[in-house]
Amino acid sequence: MAKNQLSYSEAYSKLQEILSQIESNKLDIDELSFKIKEATSLLKVCKDKLFVANEETKKIIDNID
């Protein structure tokens, strides 16, 4: 599944997994580098989805008035 097709929940869950792996201190430097890049990509997915949800919420609220 491509990163942009992940749901917010899936991306967030994967971020939690990566954080646990990093906190375990069992990753070698190559794995750590890969995990940080993956986390950065997942954070962008979450940020983009939150932005869209925020904009949609603003539109709904504006239409109420």
PDB file of N, CA and C in Angstrom:
ATOM      1  N   MET A   1       0.855  -1.183   0.000  1.00  0.00           N
ATOM      2  CA  MET A   1       0.000   0.000   0.000  1.00  0.00           C
ATOM      3  C   MET A   1       0.893   1.235   0.000  1.00  0.00           C
ATOM      4  N   ALA A   2       0.624   2.148  -0.900  1.00  0.00           N
ATOM      5  CA  ALA A   2       1.412   3.380  -0.979  1.00  0.00           C
ATOM      6  C   ALA A   2       1.121   4.250   0.237  1.00  0.00           C
ATOM      7  N   LYS A   3       2.109   5.049   0.610  1.00  0.00           N
ATOM      8  CA  LYS A   3       1.970   5.899   1.791  1.00  0.00           C
ATOM      9  C   LYS A   3       0.740   6.803   1.717  1.00  0.00           C
ATOM     10  N   ASN A   4       0.469   7.381   0.530  1.00  0.00           N
ATOM     11  CA  ASN A   4      -0.652   8.314   0.425  1.00  0.00           C
ATOM     12  C   ASN A   4      -2.003   7.615   0.466  1.00  0.00           C
ATOM     13  N   GLN A   5      -2.011   6.274   0.416  1.00  0.00           N
ATOM     14  CA  GLN A   5      -3.251   5.527   0.502  1.00  0.00           C
ATOM     15  C   GLN A   5      -3.524   5.022   1.921  1.00  0.00           C
ATOM     16  N   LEU A   6      -2.608   5.267   2.816  1.00  0.00           N
ATOM     17  CA  LEU A   6      -2.801   4.858   4.199  1.00  0.00           C
ATOM     18  C   LEU A   6      -3.853   5.729   4.858  1.00  0.00           C
ATOM     19  N   SER A   7      -4.632   5.130   5.731  1.00  0.00           N
ATOM     20  CA  SER A   7      -5.543   5.931   6.543  1.00  0.00           C
ATOM     21  C   SER A   7      -4.711   6.607   7.635  1.00  0.00           C
ATOM     22  N   TYR A   8      -5.303   7.586   8.275  1.00  0.00           N
ATOM     23  CA  TYR A   8      -4.618   8.254   9.372  1.00  0.00           C
ATOM     24  C   TYR A   8      -4.264   7.233  10.462  1.00  0.00           C
ATOM     25  N   SER A   9      -5.224   6.380  10.774  1.00  0.00           N
ATOM     26  CA  SER A   9      -5.007   5.383  11.831  1.00  0.00           C
ATOM     27  C   SER A   9      -3.869   4.425  11.494  1.00  0.00           C
ATOM     28  N   GLU A  10      -3.795   4.006  10.245  1.00  0.00           N
ATOM     29  CA  GLU A  10      -2.720   3.108   9.829  1.00  0.00           C
ATOM     30  C   GLU A  10      -1.364   3.798   9.922  1.00  0.00           C
ATOM     31  N   ALA A  11      -1.295   5.034   9.438  1.00  0.00           N
ATOM     32  CA  ALA A  11      -0.034   5.784   9.489  1.00  0.00           C
ATOM     33  C   ALA A  11       0.392   6.017  10.933  1.00  0.00           C
ATOM     34  N   TYR A  12      -0.569   6.381  11.779  1.00  0.00           N
ATOM     35  CA  TYR A  12      -0.273   6.637  13.185  1.00  0.00           C
ATOM     36  C   TYR A  12       0.213   5.358  13.880  1.00  0.00           C
ATOM     37  N   SER A  13      -0.436   4.247  13.567  1.00  0.00           N
ATOM     38  CA  SER A  13      -0.039   2.965  14.140  1.00  0.00           C
ATOM     39  C   SER A  13       1.387   2.593  13.731  1.00  0.00           C
ATOM     40  N   LYS A  14       1.710   2.803  12.460  1.00  0.00           N
ATOM     41  CA  LYS A  14       3.061   2.513  11.980  1.00  0.00           C
ATOM     42  C   LYS A  14       4.073   3.428  12.666  1.00  0.00           C
ATOM     43  N   LEU A  15       3.704   4.677  12.900  1.00  0.00           N
ATOM     44  CA  LEU A  15       4.589   5.591  13.627  1.00  0.00           C
ATOM     45  C   LEU A  15       4.845   5.087  15.041  1.00  0.00           C
ATOM     46  N   GLN A  16       3.813   4.591  15.691  1.00  0.00           N
ATOM     47  CA  GLN A  16       3.977   4.059  17.044  1.00  0.00           C
ATOM     48  C   GLN A  16       4.913   2.854  17.046  1.00  0.00           C
ATOM     49  N   GLU A  17       4.784   2.005  16.034  1.00  0.00           N
ATOM     50  CA  GLU A  17       5.671   0.843  15.926  1.00  0.00           C
ATOM     51  C   GLU A  17       7.124   1.283  15.765  1.00  0.00           C
ATOM     52  N   ILE A  18       7.341   2.267  14.898  1.00  0.00           N
ATOM     53  CA  ILE A  18       8.699   2.770  14.670  1.00  0.00           C
ATOM     54  C   ILE A  18       9.263   3.368  15.947  1.00  0.00           C
ATOM     55  N   LEU A  19       8.446   4.124  16.652  1.00  0.00           N
ATOM     56  CA  LEU A  19       8.904   4.729  17.907  1.00  0.00           C
ATOM     57  C   LEU A  19       9.319   3.655  18.905  1.00  0.00           C
ATOM     58  N   SER A  20       8.533   2.603  18.995  1.00  0.00           N
ATOM     59  CA  SER A  20       8.889   1.496  19.905  1.00  0.00           C
ATOM     60  C   SER A  20      10.208   0.858  19.512  1.00  0.00           C
ATOM     61  N   GLN A  21      10.398   0.685  18.207  1.00  0.00           N
ATOM     62  CA  GLN A  21      11.647   0.087  17.728  1.00  0.00           C
ATOM     63  C   GLN A  21      12.836   0.991  18.037  1.00  0.00           C
ATOM     64  N   ILE A  22      12.662   2.284  17.847  1.00  0.00           N
ATOM     65  CA  ILE A  22      13.751   3.230  18.132  1.00  0.00           C
ATOM     66  C   ILE A  22      14.058   3.249  19.624  1.00  0.00           C
ATOM     67  N   GLU A  23      13.005   3.267  20.441  1.00  0.00           N
ATOM     68  CA  GLU A  23      13.197   3.311  21.892  1.00  0.00           C
ATOM     69  C   GLU A  23      13.843   2.037  22.437  1.00  0.00           C
ATOM     70  N   SER A  24      13.731   0.937  21.706  1.00  0.00           N
ATOM     71  CA  SER A  24      14.313  -0.322  22.170  1.00  0.00           C
ATOM     72  C   SER A  24      15.840  -0.323  22.060  1.00  0.00           C
ATOM     73  N   ASN A  25      16.396   0.639  21.314  1.00  0.00           N
ATOM     74  CA  ASN A  25      17.841   0.746  21.106  1.00  0.00           C
ATOM     75  C   ASN A  25      18.446  -0.507  20.483  1.00  0.00           C
ATOM     76  N   LYS A  26      17.651  -1.242  19.709  1.00  0.00           N
ATOM     77  CA  LYS A  26      18.156  -2.467  19.092  1.00  0.00           C
ATOM     78  C   LYS A  26      18.371  -2.309  17.589  1.00  0.00           C
ATOM     79  N   LEU A  27      18.155  -1.124  17.063  1.00  0.00           N
ATOM     80  CA  LEU A  27      18.338  -0.889  15.635  1.00  0.00           C
ATOM     81  C   LEU A  27      19.778  -0.479  15.351  1.00  0.00           C
ATOM     82  N   ASP A  28      20.357  -1.056  14.303  1.00  0.00           N
ATOM     83  CA  ASP A  28      21.677  -0.562  13.921  1.00  0.00           C
ATOM     84  C   ASP A  28      21.494   0.745  13.144  1.00  0.00           C
ATOM     85  N   ILE A  29      22.572   1.408  12.853  1.00  0.00           N
ATOM     86  CA  ILE A  29      22.511   2.753  12.273  1.00  0.00           C
ATOM     87  C   ILE A  29      21.805   2.771  10.918  1.00  0.00           C
ATOM     88  N   ASP A  30      21.987   1.726  10.109  1.00  0.00           N
ATOM     89  CA  ASP A  30      21.317   1.662   8.810  1.00  0.00           C
ATOM     90  C   ASP A  30      19.806   1.511   8.972  1.00  0.00           C
ATOM     91  N   GLU A  31      19.412   0.654   9.895  1.00  0.00           N
ATOM     92  CA  GLU A  31      17.984   0.476  10.163  1.00  0.00           C
ATOM     93  C   GLU A  31      17.385   1.755  10.746  1.00  0.00           C
ATOM     94  N   LEU A  32      18.128   2.384  11.640  1.00  0.00           N
ATOM     95  CA  LEU A  32      17.665   3.618  12.259  1.00  0.00           C
ATOM     96  C   LEU A  32      17.441   4.693  11.209  1.00  0.00           C
ATOM     97  N   SER A  33      18.373   4.825  10.294  1.00  0.00           N
ATOM     98  CA  SER A  33      18.244   5.804   9.222  1.00  0.00           C
ATOM     99  C   SER A  33      17.001   5.533   8.383  1.00  0.00           C
ATOM    100  N   PHE A  34      16.784   4.261   8.025  1.00  0.00           N
ATOM    101  CA  PHE A  34      15.617   3.886   7.244  1.00  0.00           C
ATOM    102  C   PHE A  34      14.336   4.181   8.016  1.00  0.00           C
ATOM    103  N   LYS A  35      14.304   3.841   9.286  1.00  0.00           N
ATOM    104  CA  LYS A  35      13.106   4.049  10.106  1.00  0.00           C
ATOM    105  C   LYS A  35      12.791   5.538  10.257  1.00  0.00           C
ATOM    106  N   ILE A  36      13.817   6.361  10.378  1.00  0.00           N
ATOM    107  CA  ILE A  36      13.592   7.801  10.489  1.00  0.00           C
ATOM    108  C   ILE A  36      13.016   8.350   9.190  1.00  0.00           C
ATOM    109  N   LYS A  37      13.519   7.880   8.054  1.00  0.00           N
ATOM    110  CA  LYS A  37      12.967   8.307   6.763  1.00  0.00           C
ATOM    111  C   LYS A  37      11.520   7.860   6.626  1.00  0.00           C
ATOM    112  N   GLU A  38      11.243   6.633   7.030  1.00  0.00           N
ATOM    113  CA  GLU A  38       9.874   6.120   6.962  1.00  0.00           C
ATOM    114  C   GLU A  38       8.950   6.922   7.879  1.00  0.00           C
ATOM    115  N   ALA A  39       9.419   7.225   9.077  1.00  0.00           N
ATOM    116  CA  ALA A  39       8.625   8.006  10.021  1.00  0.00           C
ATOM    117  C   ALA A  39       8.329   9.398   9.475  1.00  0.00           C
ATOM    118  N   THR A  40       9.312   9.999   8.818  1.00  0.00           N
ATOM    119  CA  THR A  40       9.111  11.317   8.225  1.00  0.00           C
ATOM    120  C   THR A  40       8.008  11.273   7.178  1.00  0.00           C
ATOM    121  N   SER A  41       8.012  10.244   6.369  1.00  0.00           N
ATOM    122  CA  SER A  41       6.979  10.066   5.349  1.00  0.00           C
ATOM    123  C   SER A  41       5.606   9.853   5.990  1.00  0.00           C
ATOM    124  N   LEU A  42       5.564   9.056   7.032  1.00  0.00           N
ATOM    125  CA  LEU A  42       4.301   8.807   7.731  1.00  0.00           C
ATOM    126  C   LEU A  42       3.779  10.057   8.429  1.00  0.00           C
ATOM    127  N   LEU A  43       4.686  10.843   8.969  1.00  0.00           N
ATOM    128  CA  LEU A  43       4.276  12.106   9.596  1.00  0.00           C
ATOM    129  C   LEU A  43       3.638  13.043   8.577  1.00  0.00           C
ATOM    130  N   LYS A  44       4.180  13.067   7.363  1.00  0.00           N
ATOM    131  CA  LYS A  44       3.600  13.895   6.315  1.00  0.00           C
ATOM    132  C   LYS A  44       2.196  13.419   5.969  1.00  0.00           C
ATOM    133  N   VAL A  45       2.001  12.104   5.903  1.00  0.00           N
ATOM    134  CA  VAL A  45       0.666  11.566   5.638  1.00  0.00           C
ATOM    135  C   VAL A  45      -0.307  12.039   6.717  1.00  0.00           C
ATOM    136  N   CYS A  46       0.089  11.913   7.974  1.00  0.00           N
ATOM    137  CA  CYS A  46      -0.768  12.340   9.089  1.00  0.00           C
ATOM    138  C   CYS A  46      -1.049  13.839   9.022  1.00  0.00           C
ATOM    139  N   LYS A  47      -0.011  14.619   8.795  1.00  0.00           N
ATOM    140  CA  LYS A  47      -0.162  16.069   8.723  1.00  0.00           C
ATOM    141  C   LYS A  47      -1.121  16.456   7.603  1.00  0.00           C
ATOM    142  N   ASP A  48      -0.959  15.854   6.433  1.00  0.00           N
ATOM    143  CA  ASP A  48      -1.830  16.171   5.299  1.00  0.00           C
ATOM    144  C   ASP A  48      -3.282  15.808   5.593  1.00  0.00           C
ATOM    145  N   LYS A  49      -3.494  14.647   6.201  1.00  0.00           N
ATOM    146  CA  LYS A  49      -4.856  14.224   6.518  1.00  0.00           C
ATOM    147  C   LYS A  49      -5.478  15.125   7.580  1.00  0.00           C
ATOM    148  N   LEU A  50      -4.704  15.545   8.563  1.00  0.00           N
ATOM    149  CA  LEU A  50      -5.212  16.463   9.578  1.00  0.00           C
ATOM    150  C   LEU A  50      -5.553  17.818   8.971  1.00  0.00           C
ATOM    151  N   PHE A  51      -4.736  18.282   8.035  1.00  0.00           N
ATOM    152  CA  PHE A  51      -4.994  19.549   7.361  1.00  0.00           C
ATOM    153  C   PHE A  51      -6.320  19.478   6.603  1.00  0.00           C
ATOM    154  N   VAL A  52      -6.526  18.401   5.847  1.00  0.00           N
ATOM    155  CA  VAL A  52      -7.761  18.238   5.075  1.00  0.00           C
ATOM    156  C   VAL A  52      -8.966  18.187   6.011  1.00  0.00           C
ATOM    157  N   ALA A  53      -8.855  17.430   7.083  1.00  0.00           N
ATOM    158  CA  ALA A  53      -9.960  17.328   8.043  1.00  0.00           C
ATOM    159  C   ALA A  53     -10.267  18.688   8.665  1.00  0.00           C
ATOM    160  N   ASN A  54      -9.228  19.441   8.971  1.00  0.00           N
ATOM    161  CA  ASN A  54      -9.415  20.770   9.544  1.00  0.00           C
ATOM    162  C   ASN A  54     -10.129  21.691   8.566  1.00  0.00           C
ATOM    163  N   GLU A  55      -9.711  21.672   7.307  1.00  0.00           N
ATOM    164  CA  GLU A  55     -10.336  22.517   6.293  1.00  0.00           C
ATOM    165  C   GLU A  55     -11.801  22.133   6.079  1.00  0.00           C
ATOM    166  N   GLU A  56     -12.085  20.842   6.046  1.00  0.00           N
ATOM    167  CA  GLU A  56     -13.465  20.391   5.873  1.00  0.00           C
ATOM    168  C   GLU A  56     -14.326  20.801   7.059  1.00  0.00           C
ATOM    169  N   THR A  57     -13.760  20.712   8.246  1.00  0.00           N
ATOM    170  CA  THR A  57     -14.491  21.128   9.460  1.00  0.00           C
ATOM    171  C   THR A  57     -14.797  22.616   9.411  1.00  0.00           C
ATOM    172  N   LYS A  58     -13.844  23.425   8.995  1.00  0.00           N
ATOM    173  CA  LYS A  58     -14.064  24.881   8.867  1.00  0.00           C
ATOM    174  C   LYS A  58     -15.197  25.171   7.894  1.00  0.00           C
ATOM    175  N   LYS A  59     -15.230  24.461   6.772  1.00  0.00           N
ATOM    176  CA  LYS A  59     -16.285  24.669   5.767  1.00  0.00           C
ATOM    177  C   LYS A  59     -17.650  24.325   6.356  1.00  0.00           C
ATOM    178  N   ILE A  60     -17.710  23.228   7.098  1.00  0.00           N
ATOM    179  CA  ILE A  60     -18.984  22.817   7.704  1.00  0.00           C
ATOM    180  C   ILE A  60     -19.449  23.872   8.702  1.00  0.00           C
ATOM    181  N   ILE A  61     -18.538  24.336   9.534  1.00  0.00           N
ATOM    182  CA  ILE A  61     -18.879  25.341  10.533  1.00  0.00           C
ATOM    183  C   ILE A  61     -19.317  26.648   9.878  1.00  0.00           C
ATOM    184  N   ASP A  62     -18.609  27.044   8.813  1.00  0.00           N
ATOM    185  CA  ASP A  62     -18.979  28.267   8.099  1.00  0.00           C
ATOM    186  C   ASP A  62     -20.363  28.166   7.492  1.00  0.00           C
ATOM    187  N   ASN A  63     -20.765  26.982   7.056  1.00  0.00           N
ATOM    188  CA  ASN A  63     -22.089  26.795   6.457  1.00  0.00           C
ATOM    189  C   ASN A  63     -23.215  26.783   7.494  1.00  0.00           C
ATOM    190  N   ILE A  64     -22.877  26.569   8.740  1.00  0.00           N
ATOM    191  CA  ILE A  64     -23.881  26.574   9.800  1.00  0.00           C
ATOM    192  C   ILE A  64     -24.379  27.993  10.052  1.00  0.00           C
ATOM    193  N   ASP A  65     -23.476  28.944   9.954  1.00  0.00           N
ATOM    194  CA  ASP A  65     -23.836  30.346  10.234  1.00  0.00           C
ATOM    195  C   ASP A  65     -24.656  30.915   9.168  1.00  0.00           C
TER     196      ASP A  65
END
